[in-house]
PDB file of N, CA and C in Angstrom:
ATOM      1  N   MET A   1     -43.952-147.010-125.496  1.00  0.00           N
ATOM      2  CA  MET A   1     -43.483-145.915-126.315  1.00  0.00           C
ATOM      3  C   MET A   1     -42.011-146.131-126.651  1.00  0.00           C
ATOM      4  N   THR A   2     -41.695-146.063-127.903  1.00  0.00           N
ATOM      5  CA  THR A   2     -40.311-146.245-128.313  1.00  0.00           C
ATOM      6  C   THR A   2     -39.618-144.886-128.369  1.00  0.00           C
ATOM      7  N   ARG A   3     -38.355-144.908-128.013  1.00  0.00           N
ATOM      8  CA  ARG A   3     -37.549-143.685-128.041  1.00  0.00           C
ATOM      9  C   ARG A   3     -36.534-143.805-129.148  1.00  0.00           C
ATOM     10  N   GLY A   4     -36.337-142.714-129.861  1.00  0.00           N
ATOM     11  CA  GLY A   4     -35.340-142.680-130.917  1.00  0.00           C
ATOM     12  C   GLY A   4     -33.952-142.452-130.337  1.00  0.00           C
ATOM     13  N   PRO A   5     -32.935-142.632-131.155  1.00  0.00           N
ATOM     14  CA  PRO A   5     -31.566-142.466-130.652  1.00  0.00           C
ATOM     15  C   PRO A   5     -31.267-141.048-130.190  1.00  0.00           C
ATOM     16  N   PHE A   6     -31.916-140.063-130.781  1.00  0.00           N
ATOM     17  CA  PHE A   6     -31.657-138.684-130.386  1.00  0.00           C
ATOM     18  C   PHE A   6     -32.456-138.291-129.153  1.00  0.00           C
ATOM     19  N   ASP A   7     -33.407-139.123-128.739  1.00  0.00           N
ATOM     20  CA  ASP A   7     -34.086-138.925-127.456  1.00  0.00           C
ATOM     21  C   ASP A   7     -33.243-139.476-126.313  1.00  0.00           C
ATOM     22  N   ILE A   8     -32.418-140.468-126.585  1.00  0.00           N
ATOM     23  CA  ILE A   8     -31.597-141.126-125.558  1.00  0.00           C
ATOM     24  C   ILE A   8     -30.299-140.356-125.326  1.00  0.00           C
ATOM     25  N   LEU A   9     -29.601-140.009-126.389  1.00  0.00           N
ATOM     26  CA  LEU A   9     -28.327-139.294-126.280  1.00  0.00           C
ATOM     27  C   LEU A   9     -28.597-137.799-126.163  1.00  0.00           C
ATOM     28  N   ILE A  10     -28.247-137.199-125.044  1.00  0.00           N
ATOM     29  CA  ILE A  10     -28.494-135.773-124.856  1.00  0.00           C
ATOM     30  C   ILE A  10     -27.381-134.953-125.490  1.00  0.00           C
ATOM     31  N   LYS A  11     -26.122-135.201-125.078  1.00  0.00           N
ATOM     32  CA  LYS A  11     -25.008-134.492-125.687  1.00  0.00           C
ATOM     33  C   LYS A  11     -23.714-135.227-125.388  1.00  0.00           C
ATOM     34  N   PRO A  12     -22.680-135.019-126.216  1.00  0.00           N
ATOM     35  CA  PRO A  12     -21.380-135.635-125.930  1.00  0.00           C
ATOM     36  C   PRO A  12     -20.724-134.922-124.756  1.00  0.00           C
ATOM     37  N   LEU A  13     -19.881-135.645-124.047  1.00  0.00           N
ATOM     38  CA  LEU A  13     -19.183-135.111-122.893  1.00  0.00           C
ATOM     39  C   LEU A  13     -17.714-134.973-123.262  1.00  0.00           C
ATOM     40  N   LEU A  14     -17.189-133.757-123.238  1.00  0.00           N
ATOM     41  CA  LEU A  14     -15.810-133.494-123.627  1.00  0.00           C
ATOM     42  C   LEU A  14     -15.045-132.925-122.436  1.00  0.00           C
ATOM     43  N   THR A  15     -14.171-133.720-121.862  1.00  0.00           N
ATOM     44  CA  THR A  15     -13.274-133.269-120.809  1.00  0.00           C
ATOM     45  C   THR A  15     -11.866-133.731-121.164  1.00  0.00           C
ATOM     46  N   GLU A  16     -10.892-133.274-120.407  1.00  0.00           N
ATOM     47  CA  GLU A  16      -9.519-133.696-120.665  1.00  0.00           C
ATOM     48  C   GLU A  16      -9.349-135.193-120.428  1.00  0.00           C
ATOM     49  N   LYS A  17      -9.969-135.690-119.376  1.00  0.00           N
ATOM     50  CA  LYS A  17      -9.849-137.111-119.049  1.00  0.00           C
ATOM     51  C   LYS A  17     -10.471-137.982-120.142  1.00  0.00           C
ATOM     52  N   ILE A  18     -11.633-137.593-120.628  1.00  0.00           N
ATOM     53  CA  ILE A  18     -12.310-138.382-121.658  1.00  0.00           C
ATOM     54  C   ILE A  18     -11.567-138.273-122.992  1.00  0.00           C
ATOM     55  N   THR A  19     -10.952-137.131-123.273  1.00  0.00           N
ATOM     56  CA  THR A  19     -10.144-136.998-124.485  1.00  0.00           C
ATOM     57  C   THR A  19      -8.952-137.949-124.434  1.00  0.00           C
ATOM     58  N   GLY A  20      -8.328-138.070-123.268  1.00  0.00           N
ATOM     59  CA  GLY A  20      -7.230-139.031-123.107  1.00  0.00           C
ATOM     60  C   GLY A  20      -7.697-140.460-123.251  1.00  0.00           C
ATOM     61  N   MET A  21      -8.885-140.773-122.724  1.00  0.00           N
ATOM     62  CA  MET A  21      -9.448-142.118-122.874  1.00  0.00           C
ATOM     63  C   MET A  21      -9.756-142.419-124.326  1.00  0.00           C
ATOM     64  N   GLN A  22     -10.196-141.406-125.063  1.00  0.00           N
ATOM     65  CA  GLN A  22     -10.539-141.616-126.466  1.00  0.00           C
ATOM     66  C   GLN A  22      -9.295-141.934-127.274  1.00  0.00           C
ATOM     67  N   GLU A  23      -8.183-141.301-126.938  1.00  0.00           N
ATOM     68  CA  GLU A  23      -6.943-141.562-127.658  1.00  0.00           C
ATOM     69  C   GLU A  23      -6.330-142.908-127.284  1.00  0.00           C
ATOM     70  N   SER A  24      -6.438-143.294-126.006  1.00  0.00           N
ATOM     71  CA  SER A  24      -5.772-144.528-125.571  1.00  0.00           C
ATOM     72  C   SER A  24      -6.643-145.778-125.728  1.00  0.00           C
ATOM     73  N   THR A  25      -7.918-145.704-125.350  1.00  0.00           N
ATOM     74  CA  THR A  25      -8.757-146.912-125.365  1.00  0.00           C
ATOM     75  C   THR A  25      -9.941-146.835-126.313  1.00  0.00           C
ATOM     76  N   ASN A  26     -10.012-145.775-127.148  1.00  0.00           N
ATOM     77  CA  ASN A  26     -11.097-145.605-128.117  1.00  0.00           C
ATOM     78  C   ASN A  26     -12.458-145.557-127.417  1.00  0.00           C
ATOM     79  N   THR A  27     -12.522-144.799-126.315  1.00  0.00           N
ATOM     80  CA  THR A  27     -13.747-144.660-125.530  1.00  0.00           C
ATOM     81  C   THR A  27     -14.246-143.224-125.627  1.00  0.00           C
ATOM     82  N   VAL A  28     -15.557-143.065-125.861  1.00  0.00           N
ATOM     83  CA  VAL A  28     -16.184-141.751-125.897  1.00  0.00           C
ATOM     84  C   VAL A  28     -17.277-141.718-124.834  1.00  0.00           C
ATOM     85  N   ALA A  29     -17.692-140.510-124.442  1.00  0.00           N
ATOM     86  CA  ALA A  29     -18.673-140.378-123.366  1.00  0.00           C
ATOM     87  C   ALA A  29     -19.833-139.494-123.813  1.00  0.00           C
ATOM     88  N   PHE A  30     -21.007-139.809-123.277  1.00  0.00           N
ATOM     89  CA  PHE A  30     -22.219-139.056-123.568  1.00  0.00           C
ATOM     90  C   PHE A  30     -22.997-138.831-122.290  1.00  0.00           C
ATOM     91  N   ILE A  31     -23.715-137.715-122.233  1.00  0.00           N
ATOM     92  CA  ILE A  31     -24.727-137.523-121.209  1.00  0.00           C
ATOM     93  C   ILE A  31     -26.003-138.102-121.800  1.00  0.00           C
ATOM     94  N   VAL A  32     -26.635-139.020-121.061  1.00  0.00           N
ATOM     95  CA  VAL A  32     -27.822-139.706-121.564  1.00  0.00           C
ATOM     96  C   VAL A  32     -28.991-139.482-120.601  1.00  0.00           C
ATOM     97  N   ARG A  33     -30.182-139.863-121.049  1.00  0.00           N
ATOM     98  CA  ARG A  33     -31.352-139.765-120.170  1.00  0.00           C
ATOM     99  C   ARG A  33     -31.156-140.630-118.942  1.00  0.00           C
ATOM    100  N   SER A  34     -31.752-140.241-117.848  1.00  0.00           N
ATOM    101  CA  SER A  34     -31.517-140.952-116.588  1.00  0.00           C
ATOM    102  C   SER A  34     -32.303-142.246-116.476  1.00  0.00           C
ATOM    103  N   ASP A  35     -33.181-142.549-117.412  1.00  0.00           N
ATOM    104  CA  ASP A  35     -33.988-143.763-117.312  1.00  0.00           C
ATOM    105  C   ASP A  35     -33.651-144.805-118.384  1.00  0.00           C
ATOM    106  N   VAL A  36     -32.484-144.693-119.017  1.00  0.00           N
ATOM    107  CA  VAL A  36     -32.106-145.661-120.047  1.00  0.00           C
ATOM    108  C   VAL A  36     -31.101-146.668-119.498  1.00  0.00           C
ATOM    109  N   ASN A  37     -30.993-147.803-120.180  1.00  0.00           N
ATOM    110  CA  ASN A  37     -30.013-148.823-119.785  1.00  0.00           C
ATOM    111  C   ASN A  37     -28.954-148.943-120.879  1.00  0.00           C
ATOM    112  N   ARG A  38     -27.973-149.818-120.630  1.00  0.00           N
ATOM    113  CA  ARG A  38     -26.840-149.894-121.551  1.00  0.00           C
ATOM    114  C   ARG A  38     -27.216-150.459-122.919  1.00  0.00           C
ATOM    115  N   ILE A  39     -28.237-151.294-122.998  1.00  0.00           N
ATOM    116  CA  ILE A  39     -28.662-151.834-124.291  1.00  0.00           C
ATOM    117  C   ILE A  39     -29.244-150.725-125.161  1.00  0.00           C
ATOM    118  N   GLU A  40     -30.061-149.858-124.566  1.00  0.00           N
ATOM    119  CA  GLU A  40     -30.633-148.740-125.313  1.00  0.00           C
ATOM    120  C   GLU A  40     -29.552-147.759-125.765  1.00  0.00           C
ATOM    121  N   VAL A  41     -28.552-147.523-124.918  1.00  0.00           N
ATOM    122  CA  VAL A  41     -27.461-146.621-125.287  1.00  0.00           C
ATOM    123  C   VAL A  41     -26.660-147.216-126.438  1.00  0.00           C
ATOM    124  N   ARG A  42     -26.384-148.522-126.391  1.00  0.00           N
ATOM    125  CA  ARG A  42     -25.639-149.185-127.469  1.00  0.00           C
ATOM    126  C   ARG A  42     -26.372-149.039-128.805  1.00  0.00           C
ATOM    127  N   ARG A  43     -27.661-149.318-128.809  1.00  0.00           N
ATOM    128  CA  ARG A  43     -28.428-149.207-130.060  1.00  0.00           C
ATOM    129  C   ARG A  43     -28.481-147.772-130.561  1.00  0.00           C
ATOM    130  N   ALA A  44     -28.640-146.817-129.636  1.00  0.00           N
ATOM    131  CA  ALA A  44     -28.731-145.412-130.034  1.00  0.00           C
ATOM    132  C   ALA A  44     -27.428-144.931-130.665  1.00  0.00           C
ATOM    133  N   VAL A  45     -26.288-145.308-130.095  1.00  0.00           N
ATOM    134  CA  VAL A  45     -24.999-144.884-130.645  1.00  0.00           C
ATOM    135  C   VAL A  45     -24.761-145.549-132.001  1.00  0.00           C
ATOM    136  N   GLU A  46     -25.083-146.825-132.118  1.00  0.00           N
ATOM    137  CA  GLU A  46     -24.867-147.521-133.390  1.00  0.00           C
ATOM    138  C   GLU A  46     -25.750-146.959-134.498  1.00  0.00           C
ATOM    139  N   VAL A  47     -27.007-146.625-134.178  1.00  0.00           N
ATOM    140  CA  VAL A  47     -27.918-146.110-135.201  1.00  0.00           C
ATOM    141  C   VAL A  47     -27.602-144.654-135.537  1.00  0.00           C
ATOM    142  N   ALA A  48     -27.413-143.820-134.523  1.00  0.00           N
ATOM    143  CA  ALA A  48     -27.246-142.384-134.761  1.00  0.00           C
ATOM    144  C   ALA A  48     -25.885-142.049-135.352  1.00  0.00           C
ATOM    145  N   LEU A  49     -24.838-142.706-134.880  1.00  0.00           N
ATOM    146  CA  LEU A  49     -23.484-142.335-135.287  1.00  0.00           C
ATOM    147  C   LEU A  49     -22.835-143.325-136.252  1.00  0.00           C
ATOM    148  N   LYS A  50     -23.520-144.429-136.536  1.00  0.00           N
ATOM    149  CA  LYS A  50     -23.076-145.426-137.516  1.00  0.00           C
ATOM    150  C   LYS A  50     -21.676-145.954-137.218  1.00  0.00           C
ATOM    151  N   VAL A  51     -21.474-146.425-135.985  1.00  0.00           N
ATOM    152  CA  VAL A  51     -20.214-147.043-135.560  1.00  0.00           C
ATOM    153  C   VAL A  51     -20.540-148.353-134.858  1.00  0.00           C
ATOM    154  N   LYS A  52     -19.548-149.235-134.732  1.00  0.00           N
ATOM    155  CA  LYS A  52     -19.714-150.498-134.009  1.00  0.00           C
ATOM    156  C   LYS A  52     -19.273-150.300-132.566  1.00  0.00           C
ATOM    157  N   VAL A  53     -20.136-150.674-131.628  1.00  0.00           N
ATOM    158  CA  VAL A  53     -19.867-150.490-130.207  1.00  0.00           C
ATOM    159  C   VAL A  53     -19.363-151.793-129.612  1.00  0.00           C
ATOM    160  N   LYS A  54     -18.257-151.731-128.874  1.00  0.00           N
ATOM    161  CA  LYS A  54     -17.696-152.899-128.211  1.00  0.00           C
ATOM    162  C   LYS A  54     -18.328-153.108-126.838  1.00  0.00           C
ATOM    163  N   SER A  55     -18.407-152.036-126.021  1.00  0.00           N
ATOM    164  CA  SER A  55     -19.021-152.148-124.695  1.00  0.00           C
ATOM    165  C   SER A  55     -19.547-150.789-124.255  1.00  0.00           C
ATOM    166  N   VAL A  56     -20.457-150.828-123.275  1.00  0.00           N
ATOM    167  CA  VAL A  56     -21.044-149.618-122.714  1.00  0.00           C
ATOM    168  C   VAL A  56     -21.010-149.732-121.198  1.00  0.00           C
ATOM    169  N   ASN A  57     -20.491-148.700-120.536  1.00  0.00           N
ATOM    170  CA  ASN A  57     -20.544-148.592-119.082  1.00  0.00           C
ATOM    171  C   ASN A  57     -21.351-147.350-118.738  1.00  0.00           C
ATOM    172  N   ILE A  58     -22.234-147.486-117.756  1.00  0.00           N
ATOM    173  CA  ILE A  58     -23.113-146.388-117.373  1.00  0.00           C
ATOM    174  C   ILE A  58     -22.926-146.090-115.900  1.00  0.00           C
ATOM    175  N   MET A  59     -22.957-144.798-115.558  1.00  0.00           N
ATOM    176  CA  MET A  59     -22.883-144.414-114.149  1.00  0.00           C
ATOM    177  C   MET A  59     -23.773-143.205-113.885  1.00  0.00           C
ATOM    178  N   MET A  60     -24.353-143.178-112.683  1.00  0.00           N
ATOM    179  CA  MET A  60     -25.122-142.030-112.235  1.00  0.00           C
ATOM    180  C   MET A  60     -24.164-141.057-111.568  1.00  0.00           C
ATOM    181  N   VAL A  61     -24.279-139.792-111.910  1.00  0.00           N
ATOM    182  CA  VAL A  61     -23.462-138.748-111.301  1.00  0.00           C
ATOM    183  C   VAL A  61     -24.395-137.929-110.418  1.00  0.00           C
ATOM    184  N   ARG A  62     -24.086-137.873-109.141  1.00  0.00           N
ATOM    185  CA  ARG A  62     -24.918-137.138-108.191  1.00  0.00           C
ATOM    186  C   ARG A  62     -24.614-135.645-108.289  1.00  0.00           C
ATOM    187  N   GLY A  63     -25.659-134.830-108.193  1.00  0.00           N
ATOM    188  CA  GLY A  63     -25.494-133.385-108.244  1.00  0.00           C
ATOM    189  C   GLY A  63     -24.877-132.848-106.965  1.00  0.00           C
ATOM    190  N   LYS A  64     -24.088-131.808-107.096  1.00  0.00           N
ATOM    191  CA  LYS A  64     -23.416-131.212-105.950  1.00  0.00           C
ATOM    192  C   LYS A  64     -24.370-130.270-105.198  1.00  0.00           C
ATOM    193  N   PRO A  65     -24.229-130.202-103.872  1.00  0.00           N
ATOM    194  CA  PRO A  65     -24.993-129.182-103.142  1.00  0.00           C
ATOM    195  C   PRO A  65     -24.382-127.797-103.392  1.00  0.00           C
ATOM    196  N   LYS A  66     -25.211-126.814-103.603  1.00  0.00           N
ATOM    197  CA  LYS A  66     -24.768-125.447-103.877  1.00  0.00           C
ATOM    198  C   LYS A  66     -25.540-124.479-102.987  1.00  0.00           C
ATOM    199  N   ARG A  67     -24.893-123.347-102.677  1.00  0.00           N
ATOM    200  CA  ARG A  67     -25.519-122.315-101.854  1.00  0.00           C
ATOM    201  C   ARG A  67     -25.538-121.002-102.611  1.00  0.00           C
ATOM    202  N   GLN A  68     -26.577-120.227-102.370  1.00  0.00           N
ATOM    203  CA  GLN A  68     -26.645-118.849-102.833  1.00  0.00           C
ATOM    204  C   GLN A  68     -27.044-118.032-101.617  1.00  0.00           C
ATOM    205  N   GLY A  69     -26.056-117.495-100.955  1.00  0.00           N
ATOM    206  CA  GLY A  69     -26.334-116.779 -99.709  1.00  0.00           C
ATOM    207  C   GLY A  69     -26.755-117.755 -98.634  1.00  0.00           C
ATOM    208  N   ARG A  70     -27.914-117.534 -98.065  1.00  0.00           N
ATOM    209  CA  ARG A  70     -28.391-118.440 -97.014  1.00  0.00           C
ATOM    210  C   ARG A  70     -29.274-119.557 -97.555  1.00  0.00           C
ATOM    211  N   PHE A  71     -29.501-119.585 -98.857  1.00  0.00           N
ATOM    212  CA  PHE A  71     -30.368-120.582 -99.457  1.00  0.00           C
ATOM    213  C   PHE A  71     -29.545-121.767 -99.952  1.00  0.00           C
ATOM    214  N   LEU A  72     -29.953-122.954 -99.583  1.00  0.00           N
ATOM    215  CA  LEU A  72     -29.260-124.177 -99.975  1.00  0.00           C
ATOM    216  C   LEU A  72     -30.005-124.828-101.129  1.00  0.00           C
ATOM    217  N   GLY A  73     -29.273-125.245-102.143  1.00  0.00           N
ATOM    218  CA  GLY A  73     -29.870-125.911-103.289  1.00  0.00           C
ATOM    219  C   GLY A  73     -29.007-127.082-103.712  1.00  0.00           C
ATOM    220  N   LYS A  74     -29.347-127.684-104.859  1.00  0.00           N
ATOM    221  CA  LYS A  74     -28.621-128.850-105.347  1.00  0.00           C
ATOM    222  C   LYS A  74     -28.694-128.870-106.857  1.00  0.00           C
ATOM    223  N   ARG A  75     -27.561-129.178-107.483  1.00  0.00           N
ATOM    224  CA  ARG A  75     -27.564-129.373-108.927  1.00  0.00           C
ATOM    225  C   ARG A  75     -28.245-130.693-109.233  1.00  0.00           C
ATOM    226  N   PRO A  76     -28.823-130.839-110.425  1.00  0.00           N
ATOM    227  CA  PRO A  76     -29.532-132.082-110.733  1.00  0.00           C
ATOM    228  C   PRO A  76     -28.594-133.269-110.925  1.00  0.00           C
ATOM    229  N   ASP A  77     -29.103-134.481-110.655  1.00  0.00           N
ATOM    230  CA  ASP A  77     -28.380-135.713-110.938  1.00  0.00           C
ATOM    231  C   ASP A  77     -28.442-135.966-112.443  1.00  0.00           C
ATOM    232  N   TRP A  78     -27.423-136.659-112.981  1.00  0.00           N
ATOM    233  CA  TRP A  78     -27.409-136.982-114.400  1.00  0.00           C
ATOM    234  C   TRP A  78     -26.691-138.305-114.623  1.00  0.00           C
ATOM    235  N   LYS A  79     -26.882-138.866-115.793  1.00  0.00           N
ATOM    236  CA  LYS A  79     -26.310-140.170-116.118  1.00  0.00           C
ATOM    237  C   LYS A  79     -25.271-140.020-117.223  1.00  0.00           C
ATOM    238  N   LYS A  80     -24.122-140.704-117.032  1.00  0.00           N
ATOM    239  CA  LYS A  80     -23.017-140.662-117.979  1.00  0.00           C
ATOM    240  C   LYS A  80     -22.830-142.059-118.564  1.00  0.00           C
ATOM    241  N   ALA A  81     -22.631-142.123-119.884  1.00  0.00           N
ATOM    242  CA  ALA A  81     -22.374-143.391-120.560  1.00  0.00           C
ATOM    243  C   ALA A  81     -21.002-143.340-121.209  1.00  0.00           C
ATOM    244  N   LEU A  82     -20.143-144.310-120.859  1.00  0.00           N
ATOM    245  CA  LEU A  82     -18.837-144.457-121.491  1.00  0.00           C
ATOM    246  C   LEU A  82     -18.947-145.564-122.532  1.00  0.00           C
ATOM    247  N   VAL A  83     -18.749-145.223-123.788  1.00  0.00           N
ATOM    248  CA  VAL A  83     -18.949-146.145-124.899  1.00  0.00           C
ATOM    249  C   VAL A  83     -17.588-146.461-125.509  1.00  0.00           C
ATOM    250  N   THR A  84     -17.209-147.741-125.482  1.00  0.00           N
ATOM    251  CA  THR A  84     -15.967-148.185-126.105  1.00  0.00           C
ATOM    252  C   THR A  84     -16.286-148.688-127.507  1.00  0.00           C
ATOM    253  N   LEU A  85     -15.557-148.157-128.487  1.00  0.00           N
ATOM    254  CA  LEU A  85     -15.783-148.518-129.883  1.00  0.00           C
ATOM    255  C   LEU A  85     -14.814-149.618-130.299  1.00  0.00           C
ATOM    256  N   HIS A  86     -15.198-150.375-131.329  1.00  0.00           N
ATOM    257  CA  HIS A  86     -14.319-151.409-131.874  1.00  0.00           C
ATOM    258  C   HIS A  86     -13.078-150.772-132.490  1.00  0.00           C
ATOM    259  N   GLU A  87     -12.043-151.580-132.676  1.00  0.00           N
ATOM    260  CA  GLU A  87     -10.803-151.110-133.287  1.00  0.00           C
ATOM    261  C   GLU A  87     -11.079-150.600-134.701  1.00  0.00           C
ATOM    262  N   GLY A  88     -10.490-149.487-135.041  1.00  0.00           N
ATOM    263  CA  GLY A  88     -10.658-148.924-136.371  1.00  0.00           C
ATOM    264  C   GLY A  88     -11.852-147.988-136.496  1.00  0.00           C
ATOM    265  N   GLU A  89     -12.729-147.947-135.518  1.00  0.00           N
ATOM    266  CA  GLU A  89     -13.890-147.058-135.555  1.00  0.00           C
ATOM    267  C   GLU A  89     -13.490-145.690-134.996  1.00  0.00           C
ATOM    268  N   LYS A  90     -14.000-144.620-135.612  1.00  0.00           N
ATOM    269  CA  LYS A  90     -13.754-143.268-135.140  1.00  0.00           C
ATOM    270  C   LYS A  90     -15.037-142.477-135.238  1.00  0.00           C
ATOM    271  N   LEU A  91     -15.120-141.434-134.411  1.00  0.00           N
ATOM    272  CA  LEU A  91     -16.239-140.505-134.497  1.00  0.00           C
ATOM    273  C   LEU A  91     -15.732-139.173-135.018  1.00  0.00           C
ATOM    274  N   ALA A  92     -16.351-138.657-136.056  1.00  0.00           N
ATOM    275  CA  ALA A  92     -15.976-137.353-136.585  1.00  0.00           C
ATOM    276  C   ALA A  92     -16.366-136.249-135.605  1.00  0.00           C
ATOM    277  N   LEU A  93     -17.230-136.588-134.674  1.00  0.00           N
ATOM    278  CA  LEU A  93     -17.694-135.663-133.646  1.00  0.00           C
ATOM    279  C   LEU A  93     -16.533-135.159-132.800  1.00  0.00           C
ATOM    280  N   TYR A  94     -15.541-135.990-132.555  1.00  0.00           N
ATOM    281  CA  TYR A  94     -14.423-135.657-131.687  1.00  0.00           C
ATOM    282  C   TYR A  94     -13.186-135.208-132.454  1.00  0.00           C
ATOM    283  N   GLU A  95     -13.233-135.214-133.757  1.00  0.00           N
ATOM    284  CA  GLU A  95     -12.077-134.840-134.544  1.00  0.00           C
ATOM    285  C   GLU A  95     -12.009-133.312-134.682  1.00  0.00           C
ATOM    286  N   SER A  96     -10.821-132.760-134.639  1.00  0.00           N
ATOM    287  CA  SER A  96     -10.662-131.322-134.827  1.00  0.00           C
ATOM    288  C   SER A  96     -10.466-131.019-136.309  1.00  0.00           C
ATOM    289  N   ALA A  97     -10.658-129.772-136.660  1.00  0.00           N
ATOM    290  CA  ALA A  97     -10.529-129.365-138.060  1.00  0.00           C
ATOM    291  C   ALA A  97      -9.106-129.382-138.438  1.00  0.00           C
TER     292      ALA A  97
END
């Protein structure tokens, strides 16, 4: 079964640290499906957002343990992809009005 680019990329990740990385090293971040690899992420970003990708780094983020009274639970695990774009490439997704 083939997955489309919008099945792989769940949503962009916007934090202060990633905003600084985007300005200094032209790197953007996405929350992606937990069963994809860096080749699939590269193709999905290039097809969906029409930019040239230089490199992709992927990491699993473990969910934190949480409590509600005496009940112990856990937030879900998720996967983060850091995508470095070629020089001169920009995403309108991260641009402000």
